[in-house]
Amino acid sequence: SDHWWPDARRVVSPNFSDRPEGRAIDMLVVHNISLPPGEFGGPWIEHLFTNSLDPSAHPYFESIAQLTVSAHVLIDRLGQVTQFVPFNKKAWHAGQSFFDGETQCNEFSIGIELEGCDDQNFTDIQYERLAELTQYLRDCYPHIVPGRVVGHSDIAPGRKTDPGPCFDWQRYRKMCL
């Protein structure tokens, strides 16, 4: 009822806004993220989503520290779930996007980040937690039908590749869709 997943740790991001009045939440977008690229663990993703990333902590961070981005949820490699934005608000996860004749997918989607990268398999616990969360979200937002559970690459082709070729869509869909 409060648009937070009860099983998630809450860390509020300032990077969100209101959704358009009357538009149903009807899409789930799966992403991957690792900071620095290809490295796991550490506070860096949380710092990015809360505008507290120190650009001097790693050379790569100099190019992204000024970004104002977020996701609704992050599932780390150990299965810990952190929610940054309530589901009824618009997280800034998709960027320029297009799907099924509509642009600006942030307006009607929920963004879930998996800690990972395109060229490494995700963990079993990440799939389990993602499936649990997906089932919860589909119960809360019945307009999220299987055909509207997509990857970032599906809504920003040519610009984004995540969740990447190592994400096992068949396994995920079998678990919860």
Foldseek 3Di string as FASTA:
>chain_A
DQQADPQAAEDAAPAWAAADPPAAQAAEAEFEDAVPPPDFDDCQLVCLRRLNHDCVPDVVSVVRSPDHFHAQWEQELVRHIYGHDRPRIQGRHQPFWDDPHDTDSSNRYHYYYYHDAQPDAGHPSNLVNVQVVVQVVCVVRVSHDPVRYYYSCRTVPPVDQPPHPNYDPVVSVVSHD
